[in-house]
């Protein structure tokens, strides 16, 4: 189908999506990016956030906590550390995400402290976007 690309989202537990998409909005570590058919080849690291897919069968959103995306002219593949459809996300799940990130930050080496502090912040921003209250981080 013209104007679409293959989109695949895989997390360790399961494959979450394998659909034709017109665009995929990706929370990249260096900034948000929109992949569309014909995109130049690119590999990027994900940050915690909401990944949005505009597909031929409707729009969907997923929470991701990290991982990688490979973008090409023909498609986008996302290998997520953890991912869930937004419809499955609860405050308990996001609090577990933030607790893990806070623990990692609090035990970080000097070299990793900035990145792990940013990860805690990114999860808090994601929770706010979803309208979910978190325990104090």
N, C-alpha and C. Protein backbone atom coordinates (compact mmCIF):
# COMPACT_ATOMS: atom_id res chain seq x y z
N UNK A 1 0.85 -1.19 0.00
CA UNK A 1 0.00 0.00 0.00
C UNK A 1 0.89 1.24 0.00
N UNK A 2 0.67 2.16 -0.95
CA UNK A 2 1.46 3.38 -1.05
C UNK A 2 1.21 4.27 0.16
N UNK A 3 2.27 4.95 0.61
CA UNK A 3 2.13 5.86 1.73
C UNK A 3 2.15 5.18 3.08
N UNK A 4 2.53 3.91 3.12
CA UNK A 4 2.63 3.21 4.40
C UNK A 4 3.98 2.52 4.50
N UNK A 5 4.29 2.11 5.71
CA UNK A 5 5.51 1.35 5.97
C UNK A 5 5.18 0.29 7.01
N UNK A 6 6.02 -0.71 7.09
CA UNK A 6 5.85 -1.74 8.10
C UNK A 6 6.32 -1.19 9.44
N UNK A 7 5.54 -1.42 10.50
CA UNK A 7 5.95 -1.04 11.85
C UNK A 7 5.87 -2.26 12.74
N UNK A 8 6.95 -2.52 13.47
CA UNK A 8 7.00 -3.63 14.42
C UNK A 8 7.50 -3.11 15.76
N UNK A 9 6.81 -3.52 16.83
CA UNK A 9 7.22 -3.18 18.20
C UNK A 9 7.31 -4.48 18.98
N UNK A 10 8.51 -4.74 19.52
CA UNK A 10 8.76 -5.96 20.27
C UNK A 10 9.38 -5.61 21.60
N UNK A 11 8.88 -6.24 22.67
CA UNK A 11 9.46 -6.15 24.00
C UNK A 11 9.86 -7.56 24.40
N UNK A 12 10.67 -7.73 25.43
CA UNK A 12 11.09 -9.08 25.81
C UNK A 12 9.93 -10.04 26.06
N UNK A 13 8.82 -9.54 26.58
CA UNK A 13 7.69 -10.41 26.92
C UNK A 13 6.83 -10.81 25.73
N UNK A 14 6.76 -9.92 24.72
CA UNK A 14 5.83 -10.18 23.63
C UNK A 14 6.02 -9.20 22.47
N UNK A 15 5.43 -9.57 21.33
CA UNK A 15 5.33 -8.66 20.19
C UNK A 15 4.06 -7.84 20.42
N UNK A 16 4.18 -6.53 20.40
CA UNK A 16 3.04 -5.67 20.65
C UNK A 16 2.37 -5.18 19.38
N UNK A 17 3.15 -5.06 18.29
CA UNK A 17 2.54 -4.54 17.06
C UNK A 17 3.33 -5.04 15.85
N UNK A 18 2.59 -5.31 14.80
CA UNK A 18 3.15 -5.58 13.48
C UNK A 18 2.08 -5.13 12.49
N UNK A 19 2.16 -3.85 12.09
CA UNK A 19 1.10 -3.23 11.32
C UNK A 19 1.67 -2.34 10.22
N UNK A 20 0.82 -1.94 9.29
CA UNK A 20 1.15 -0.92 8.31
C UNK A 20 0.86 0.44 8.94
N UNK A 21 1.83 1.35 8.86
CA UNK A 21 1.69 2.66 9.49
C UNK A 21 2.00 3.77 8.50
N UNK A 22 1.38 4.92 8.73
CA UNK A 22 1.69 6.10 7.93
C UNK A 22 2.71 6.98 8.63
N UNK A 23 2.78 6.89 9.97
CA UNK A 23 3.81 7.60 10.73
C UNK A 23 3.92 7.01 12.13
N UNK A 24 5.14 7.13 12.67
CA UNK A 24 5.42 6.65 14.02
C UNK A 24 6.19 7.75 14.74
N UNK A 25 5.63 8.22 15.86
CA UNK A 25 6.29 9.24 16.66
C UNK A 25 7.05 8.54 17.78
N UNK A 26 8.37 8.75 17.81
CA UNK A 26 9.25 7.99 18.68
C UNK A 26 9.93 8.91 19.69
N UNK A 27 9.89 8.53 20.99
CA UNK A 27 10.62 9.30 22.00
C UNK A 27 12.10 8.92 21.99
N UNK A 28 12.89 9.66 21.25
CA UNK A 28 14.32 9.37 21.13
C UNK A 28 15.12 10.02 22.24
N UNK A 29 16.24 9.41 22.57
CA UNK A 29 17.11 9.95 23.62
C UNK A 29 17.63 11.34 23.25
N UNK A 30 17.79 11.60 21.97
CA UNK A 30 18.28 12.90 21.51
C UNK A 30 17.14 13.85 21.14
N UNK A 31 15.91 13.41 21.33
CA UNK A 31 14.74 14.22 21.01
C UNK A 31 13.71 13.37 20.28
N UNK A 32 12.50 13.85 20.24
CA UNK A 32 11.42 13.11 19.58
C UNK A 32 11.62 13.14 18.07
N UNK A 33 11.15 12.07 17.42
CA UNK A 33 11.34 11.93 15.98
C UNK A 33 10.09 11.29 15.39
N UNK A 34 9.71 11.72 14.20
CA UNK A 34 8.61 11.10 13.48
C UNK A 34 9.16 10.38 12.26
N UNK A 35 8.92 9.06 12.24
CA UNK A 35 9.34 8.23 11.09
C UNK A 35 8.16 8.08 10.16
N UNK A 36 8.43 8.23 8.86
CA UNK A 36 7.39 8.09 7.83
C UNK A 36 7.96 7.27 6.68
N UNK A 37 7.08 6.77 5.81
CA UNK A 37 7.59 6.02 4.66
C UNK A 37 8.61 6.87 3.89
N UNK A 38 9.68 6.23 3.44
CA UNK A 38 10.72 6.94 2.70
C UNK A 38 11.78 7.58 3.58
N UNK A 39 11.71 7.39 4.90
CA UNK A 39 12.66 8.01 5.83
C UNK A 39 14.07 7.51 5.55
N UNK A 40 15.04 8.37 5.75
CA UNK A 40 16.44 7.97 5.63
C UNK A 40 16.78 6.96 6.72
N UNK A 41 17.68 6.03 6.44
CA UNK A 41 18.05 5.02 7.44
C UNK A 41 18.64 5.67 8.69
N UNK A 42 18.23 5.14 9.85
CA UNK A 42 18.65 5.72 11.13
C UNK A 42 18.44 4.69 12.23
N UNK A 43 19.35 4.65 13.17
CA UNK A 43 19.16 3.86 14.39
C UNK A 43 19.25 4.84 15.54
N UNK A 44 18.29 4.75 16.47
CA UNK A 44 18.30 5.65 17.60
C UNK A 44 17.97 4.93 18.89
N UNK A 45 18.42 5.52 19.97
CA UNK A 45 18.14 5.02 21.31
C UNK A 45 16.87 5.67 21.80
N UNK A 46 16.02 4.88 22.47
CA UNK A 46 14.77 5.40 23.01
C UNK A 46 14.98 5.91 24.43
N UNK A 47 14.16 6.86 24.82
CA UNK A 47 14.06 7.31 26.20
C UNK A 47 12.66 6.94 26.68
N UNK A 48 12.41 6.91 27.97
CA UNK A 48 11.05 6.64 28.43
C UNK A 48 10.07 7.67 27.87
N UNK A 49 8.96 7.17 27.36
CA UNK A 49 7.96 8.07 26.79
C UNK A 49 6.84 7.30 26.12
N UNK A 50 6.02 8.05 25.39
CA UNK A 50 4.89 7.47 24.67
C UNK A 50 5.23 7.43 23.19
N UNK A 51 5.14 6.24 22.62
CA UNK A 51 5.37 6.02 21.20
C UNK A 51 4.00 5.96 20.54
N UNK A 52 3.76 6.80 19.54
CA UNK A 52 2.46 6.88 18.87
C UNK A 52 2.55 6.36 17.44
N UNK A 53 1.56 5.56 17.06
CA UNK A 53 1.53 4.97 15.72
C UNK A 53 0.24 5.36 15.03
N UNK A 54 0.35 5.97 13.86
CA UNK A 54 -0.80 6.23 13.01
C UNK A 54 -0.81 5.14 11.97
N UNK A 55 -1.79 4.27 12.08
CA UNK A 55 -1.82 3.12 11.19
C UNK A 55 -3.03 3.10 10.30
N UNK A 56 -3.02 2.17 9.37
CA UNK A 56 -4.14 2.04 8.44
C UNK A 56 -5.38 1.53 9.14
N UNK A 57 -5.21 0.89 10.30
CA UNK A 57 -6.34 0.38 11.07
C UNK A 57 -6.63 1.22 12.31
N UNK A 58 -6.08 2.42 12.39
CA UNK A 58 -6.32 3.31 13.52
C UNK A 58 -5.02 3.69 14.21
N UNK A 59 -5.16 4.56 15.18
CA UNK A 59 -4.01 5.07 15.92
C UNK A 59 -3.87 4.32 17.23
N UNK A 60 -2.63 4.06 17.63
CA UNK A 60 -2.35 3.40 18.90
C UNK A 60 -1.17 4.07 19.57
N UNK A 61 -1.13 3.94 20.90
CA UNK A 61 -0.03 4.49 21.67
C UNK A 61 0.50 3.43 22.62
N UNK A 62 1.82 3.49 22.83
CA UNK A 62 2.50 2.53 23.69
C UNK A 62 3.44 3.29 24.62
N UNK A 63 3.56 2.82 25.83
CA UNK A 63 4.55 3.33 26.77
C UNK A 63 5.81 2.49 26.58
N UNK A 64 6.95 3.16 26.42
CA UNK A 64 8.23 2.47 26.33
C UNK A 64 9.17 3.07 27.38
N UNK A 65 10.08 2.24 27.89
CA UNK A 65 11.02 2.75 28.90
C UNK A 65 12.44 2.87 28.37
N UNK A 66 12.68 2.41 27.19
CA UNK A 66 14.01 2.46 26.60
C UNK A 66 14.10 1.42 25.50
N UNK A 67 15.26 1.34 24.89
CA UNK A 67 15.46 0.39 23.81
C UNK A 67 16.05 1.09 22.60
N UNK A 68 15.78 0.50 21.43
CA UNK A 68 16.32 1.01 20.17
C UNK A 68 15.25 1.01 19.09
N UNK A 69 15.39 1.90 18.13
CA UNK A 69 14.54 1.92 16.94
C UNK A 69 15.43 1.92 15.71
N UNK A 70 15.05 1.10 14.75
CA UNK A 70 15.73 1.08 13.46
C UNK A 70 14.72 1.56 12.42
N UNK A 71 15.07 2.63 11.74
CA UNK A 71 14.19 3.25 10.76
C UNK A 71 14.82 3.11 9.38
N UNK A 72 13.99 2.76 8.40
CA UNK A 72 14.42 2.72 7.01
C UNK A 72 13.29 3.27 6.15
N UNK A 73 13.52 3.34 4.86
CA UNK A 73 12.48 3.83 3.95
C UNK A 73 11.27 2.91 3.95
N UNK A 74 11.48 1.63 4.20
CA UNK A 74 10.41 0.64 4.13
C UNK A 74 9.71 0.38 5.45
N UNK A 75 10.34 0.74 6.58
CA UNK A 75 9.70 0.43 7.85
C UNK A 75 10.47 0.89 9.06
N UNK A 76 9.84 0.68 10.21
CA UNK A 76 10.42 1.03 11.49
C UNK A 76 10.24 -0.15 12.43
N UNK A 77 11.34 -0.56 13.06
CA UNK A 77 11.30 -1.63 14.04
C UNK A 77 11.78 -1.08 15.37
N UNK A 78 11.02 -1.34 16.42
CA UNK A 78 11.38 -0.88 17.76
C UNK A 78 11.58 -2.10 18.65
N UNK A 79 12.75 -2.17 19.27
CA UNK A 79 13.06 -3.19 20.26
C UNK A 79 13.11 -2.48 21.60
N UNK A 80 12.05 -2.64 22.39
CA UNK A 80 11.90 -1.90 23.63
C UNK A 80 12.37 -2.72 24.83
N UNK A 81 12.97 -2.04 25.81
CA UNK A 81 13.32 -2.70 27.06
C UNK A 81 12.05 -3.17 27.76
N UNK A 82 11.10 -2.26 27.86
CA UNK A 82 9.76 -2.57 28.39
C UNK A 82 8.78 -1.73 27.60
N UNK A 83 7.64 -2.34 27.26
CA UNK A 83 6.62 -1.63 26.50
C UNK A 83 5.25 -2.21 26.81
N UNK A 84 4.26 -1.33 26.82
CA UNK A 84 2.87 -1.71 27.06
C UNK A 84 1.97 -0.80 26.25
N UNK A 85 0.83 -1.31 25.78
CA UNK A 85 -0.16 -0.39 25.22
C UNK A 85 -0.60 0.58 26.32
N UNK A 86 -0.82 1.83 25.97
CA UNK A 86 -1.23 2.83 26.96
C UNK A 86 -2.47 2.35 27.72
N UNK A 87 -3.36 1.63 27.04
CA UNK A 87 -4.59 1.16 27.68
C UNK A 87 -4.33 0.19 28.83
N UNK A 88 -3.14 -0.41 28.88
CA UNK A 88 -2.80 -1.36 29.95
C UNK A 88 -2.00 -0.72 31.09
N UNK A 89 -1.63 0.54 30.95
CA UNK A 89 -0.78 1.20 31.94
C UNK A 89 -1.61 1.66 33.13
N UNK A 90 -1.12 1.32 34.32
CA UNK A 90 -1.76 1.73 35.57
C UNK A 90 -0.76 2.52 36.41
N UNK A 91 -1.26 3.14 37.47
CA UNK A 91 -0.35 3.86 38.36
C UNK A 91 0.63 2.90 39.02
N UNK A 92 0.21 1.67 39.32
CA UNK A 92 1.12 0.69 39.91
C UNK A 92 2.28 0.38 38.97
N UNK A 93 1.98 0.22 37.69
CA UNK A 93 3.03 -0.07 36.70
C UNK A 93 4.00 1.09 36.59
N UNK A 94 3.48 2.31 36.47
CA UNK A 94 4.38 3.47 36.35
C UNK A 94 5.16 3.69 37.64
N UNK A 95 4.56 3.42 38.80
CA UNK A 95 5.30 3.54 40.05
C UNK A 95 6.43 2.51 40.12
N UNK A 96 6.21 1.32 39.56
CA UNK A 96 7.28 0.32 39.50
C UNK A 96 8.39 0.80 38.56
N UNK A 97 8.01 1.38 37.42
CA UNK A 97 9.00 1.93 36.50
C UNK A 97 9.84 3.01 37.20
N UNK A 98 9.16 3.93 37.91
CA UNK A 98 9.89 5.03 38.54
C UNK A 98 10.73 4.52 39.69
N UNK A 99 10.24 3.53 40.45
CA UNK A 99 11.04 2.97 41.55
C UNK A 99 12.31 2.34 41.03
N UNK A 100 12.21 1.59 39.93
CA UNK A 100 13.40 0.98 39.32
C UNK A 100 14.38 2.04 38.85
N UNK A 101 13.86 3.10 38.25
CA UNK A 101 14.72 4.18 37.75
C UNK A 101 15.39 4.94 38.90
N UNK A 102 14.64 5.18 39.98
CA UNK A 102 15.20 5.88 41.15
C UNK A 102 16.28 5.02 41.80
N UNK A 103 16.03 3.73 41.92
CA UNK A 103 17.03 2.84 42.51
C UNK A 103 18.31 2.83 41.67
N UNK A 104 18.15 2.75 40.35
CA UNK A 104 19.31 2.78 39.47
C UNK A 104 20.05 4.11 39.60
N UNK A 105 19.31 5.20 39.66
CA UNK A 105 19.93 6.53 39.81
C UNK A 105 20.68 6.63 41.13
N UNK A 106 20.06 6.15 42.20
CA UNK A 106 20.68 6.27 43.51
C UNK A 106 21.92 5.40 43.67
N UNK A 107 22.06 4.39 42.83
CA UNK A 107 23.23 3.51 42.87
C UNK A 107 24.16 3.73 41.69
N UNK A 108 23.97 4.84 40.98
CA UNK A 108 24.72 5.10 39.75
C UNK A 108 26.16 5.51 40.02
N UNK A 109 27.00 5.19 39.07
CA UNK A 109 28.36 5.72 39.08
C UNK A 109 28.29 7.17 38.59
N UNK A 110 29.33 7.89 38.82
CA UNK A 110 29.38 9.29 38.39
C UNK A 110 29.12 9.39 36.89
N UNK A 111 29.65 8.44 36.12
CA UNK A 111 29.52 8.47 34.67
C UNK A 111 28.06 8.32 34.21
N UNK A 112 27.24 7.60 34.98
CA UNK A 112 25.86 7.31 34.58
C UNK A 112 24.81 8.17 35.28
N UNK A 113 25.23 8.98 36.23
CA UNK A 113 24.27 9.71 37.05
C UNK A 113 23.36 10.63 36.23
N UNK A 114 23.89 11.38 35.31
CA UNK A 114 23.09 12.31 34.52
C UNK A 114 22.04 11.58 33.69
N UNK A 115 22.43 10.51 33.02
CA UNK A 115 21.49 9.75 32.18
C UNK A 115 20.39 9.12 33.03
N UNK A 116 20.73 8.60 34.19
CA UNK A 116 19.72 7.96 35.04
C UNK A 116 18.80 8.98 35.70
N UNK A 117 19.34 10.15 36.01
CA UNK A 117 18.49 11.22 36.53
C UNK A 117 17.49 11.67 35.46
N UNK A 118 17.94 11.76 34.22
CA UNK A 118 17.06 12.11 33.10
C UNK A 118 15.98 11.05 32.92
N UNK A 119 16.33 9.78 33.08
CA UNK A 119 15.36 8.69 32.94
C UNK A 119 14.23 8.83 33.97
N UNK A 120 14.57 9.16 35.22
CA UNK A 120 13.55 9.38 36.25
C UNK A 120 12.64 10.52 35.83
N UNK A 121 13.22 11.60 35.35
CA UNK A 121 12.44 12.75 34.90
C UNK A 121 11.54 12.39 33.72
N UNK A 122 12.06 11.64 32.76
CA UNK A 122 11.27 11.24 31.58
C UNK A 122 10.05 10.40 31.99
N UNK A 123 10.22 9.50 32.94
CA UNK A 123 9.09 8.68 33.40
C UNK A 123 8.05 9.55 34.09
N UNK A 124 8.48 10.53 34.88
CA UNK A 124 7.55 11.44 35.54
C UNK A 124 6.76 12.26 34.50
N UNK A 125 7.44 12.73 33.47
CA UNK A 125 6.76 13.48 32.40
C UNK A 125 5.76 12.59 31.67
N UNK A 126 6.14 11.35 31.40
CA UNK A 126 5.24 10.40 30.74
C UNK A 126 4.00 10.17 31.60
N UNK A 127 4.18 9.99 32.90
CA UNK A 127 3.04 9.78 33.80
C UNK A 127 2.11 10.99 33.79
N UNK A 128 2.70 12.18 33.79
CA UNK A 128 1.88 13.40 33.75
C UNK A 128 1.08 13.46 32.45
N UNK A 129 1.71 13.14 31.34
CA UNK A 129 1.01 13.14 30.04
C UNK A 129 -0.17 12.18 30.04
N UNK A 130 0.00 11.04 30.73
CA UNK A 130 -1.05 10.03 30.79
C UNK A 130 -2.07 10.32 31.90
N UNK A 131 -1.81 11.36 32.71
CA UNK A 131 -2.74 11.71 33.78
C UNK A 131 -2.69 10.75 34.96
N UNK A 132 -1.51 10.17 35.19
CA UNK A 132 -1.34 9.20 36.27
C UNK A 132 -0.44 9.81 37.33
N UNK A 133 -0.91 9.78 38.59
CA UNK A 133 -0.11 10.29 39.72
C UNK A 133 0.91 9.26 40.13
N UNK A 134 2.13 9.73 40.40
CA UNK A 134 3.20 8.86 40.87
C UNK A 134 3.48 9.14 42.34
N UNK A 135 4.03 8.12 43.02
CA UNK A 135 4.55 8.35 44.35
C UNK A 135 5.74 9.27 44.21
N UNK A 136 6.10 9.98 45.26
CA UNK A 136 7.22 10.91 45.20
C UNK A 136 8.49 10.18 44.78
N UNK A 137 9.20 10.78 43.84
CA UNK A 137 10.46 10.19 43.36
C UNK A 137 11.59 10.85 44.06
